[in-house]
């Protein structure tokens, strides 16, 4: 039952937001992944950082399992993301990744000591 309700919420909210933004705008945004010149250093690091964070978060949400070793990767990618993203140096991104560095540090130390 949880999966059904979660799926309905996910699809309803996503459909509403995509409708408000415009499906053409959303499609154009996703198409950027396939354009030459998109995959430059900061976008590659950003994609890697998001994948690493998803690898940390999803097992906990789905199976209530923490793979603490993945925090070593997120520690590295969060720092690297702040460093290489001079072009997109938004305060929310800097703050989020700074907090993630702290989170990863706590989890790593907790599991090693």
Protein backbone atom coordinates (compact mmCIF):
# COMPACT_ATOMS: atom_id res chain seq x y z
CA UNK A 1 0.00 0.00 0.00
CA UNK A 2 2.90 2.38 0.78
CA UNK A 3 4.28 1.94 -2.72
CA UNK A 4 0.94 2.76 -4.31
CA UNK A 5 0.39 5.90 -2.22
CA UNK A 6 4.01 7.02 -2.74
CA UNK A 7 3.72 6.46 -6.49
CA UNK A 8 0.48 8.43 -6.69
CA UNK A 9 2.04 11.29 -4.71
CA UNK A 10 5.20 11.24 -6.86
CA UNK A 11 3.39 11.24 -10.18
CA UNK A 12 0.78 13.80 -9.08
CA UNK A 13 3.29 16.29 -7.73
CA UNK A 14 5.67 15.82 -10.65
CA UNK A 15 2.87 16.21 -13.20
CA UNK A 16 1.63 19.38 -11.48
CA UNK A 17 5.10 20.96 -11.32
CA UNK A 18 5.97 19.94 -14.91
CA UNK A 19 2.63 21.37 -16.09
CA UNK A 20 3.30 24.68 -14.31
CA UNK A 21 6.86 24.91 -15.67
CA UNK A 22 5.80 23.67 -19.09
CA UNK A 23 6.43 20.23 -20.52
CA UNK A 24 8.42 21.76 -23.40
CA UNK A 25 10.72 23.54 -20.94
CA UNK A 26 11.22 20.33 -18.97
CA UNK A 27 11.93 18.41 -22.18
CA UNK A 28 14.45 21.05 -23.29
CA UNK A 29 16.15 20.80 -19.93
CA UNK A 30 16.50 17.01 -20.16
CA UNK A 31 17.76 17.28 -23.75
CA UNK A 32 20.76 19.25 -22.51
CA UNK A 33 22.24 15.95 -21.33
CA UNK A 34 22.59 14.90 -24.95
CA UNK A 35 24.02 18.13 -26.37
CA UNK A 36 27.66 18.44 -27.25
CA UNK A 37 29.48 20.60 -24.78
CA UNK A 38 27.20 19.85 -21.83
CA UNK A 39 29.45 17.26 -20.25
CA UNK A 40 32.25 19.54 -19.11
CA UNK A 41 34.14 19.28 -15.82
CA UNK A 42 31.57 20.83 -13.46
CA UNK A 43 28.59 19.02 -15.00
CA UNK A 44 30.43 15.69 -14.83
CA UNK A 45 31.32 16.28 -11.19
CA UNK A 46 27.78 17.43 -10.42
CA UNK A 47 26.28 14.29 -11.97
CA UNK A 48 28.76 12.10 -10.08
CA UNK A 49 28.00 13.89 -6.83
CA UNK A 50 24.25 13.41 -7.27
CA UNK A 51 24.70 9.73 -8.10
CA UNK A 52 26.88 9.25 -5.01
CA UNK A 53 24.34 11.00 -2.80
CA UNK A 54 21.53 8.90 -4.27
CA UNK A 55 23.58 5.76 -3.57
CA UNK A 56 23.80 6.85 0.09
CA UNK A 57 20.17 7.92 0.48
CA UNK A 58 18.18 5.32 -1.46
CA UNK A 59 19.23 2.15 0.44
CA UNK A 60 18.30 3.88 3.67
CA UNK A 61 14.91 4.97 2.38
CA UNK A 62 14.04 1.71 0.66
CA UNK A 63 15.66 -0.98 2.83
CA UNK A 64 16.60 0.93 6.02
CA UNK A 65 20.27 0.04 5.35
CA UNK A 66 23.18 2.42 5.59
CA UNK A 67 26.18 1.81 3.37
CA UNK A 68 28.48 4.10 5.33
CA UNK A 69 31.48 3.48 3.07
CA UNK A 70 29.73 5.46 0.32
CA UNK A 71 30.16 8.56 2.47
CA UNK A 72 33.84 8.51 1.55
CA UNK A 73 32.74 9.13 -2.05
CA UNK A 74 30.21 11.81 -1.10
CA UNK A 75 32.79 13.55 1.08
CA UNK A 76 35.11 13.74 -1.91
CA UNK A 77 32.44 14.67 -4.49
CA UNK A 78 30.88 17.38 -2.28
CA UNK A 79 34.23 19.07 -1.80
CA UNK A 80 35.09 18.67 -5.45
CA UNK A 81 31.71 20.03 -6.51
CA UNK A 82 32.22 23.25 -4.56
CA UNK A 83 35.72 23.56 -6.01
CA UNK A 84 34.92 22.99 -9.70
CA UNK A 85 31.58 24.78 -9.84
CA UNK A 86 32.84 28.33 -10.10
CA UNK A 87 30.37 28.86 -12.93
CA UNK A 88 27.40 27.73 -10.81
CA UNK A 89 28.61 28.86 -7.40
CA UNK A 90 25.16 29.36 -5.94
CA UNK A 91 24.87 29.83 -2.17
CA UNK A 92 22.38 26.99 -1.84
CA UNK A 93 24.73 24.58 -3.61
CA UNK A 94 27.72 25.67 -1.51
CA UNK A 95 25.71 25.41 1.73
CA UNK A 96 24.16 22.04 0.83
CA UNK A 97 27.51 20.51 -0.10
CA UNK A 98 29.20 22.03 2.96
CA UNK A 99 26.53 20.42 5.14
CA UNK A 100 27.00 17.14 3.26
CA UNK A 101 30.76 17.25 3.95
CA UNK A 102 29.89 17.56 7.65
CA UNK A 103 27.35 14.74 7.46
CA UNK A 104 29.77 12.43 5.66
CA UNK A 105 32.53 13.26 8.13
CA UNK A 106 30.31 12.37 11.08
CA UNK A 107 29.19 9.07 9.51
CA UNK A 108 32.74 8.06 8.57
CA UNK A 109 34.15 8.88 12.01
CA UNK A 110 31.21 7.15 13.73
CA UNK A 111 31.92 3.95 11.82
CA UNK A 112 35.70 4.01 12.12
CA UNK A 113 36.00 4.89 15.81
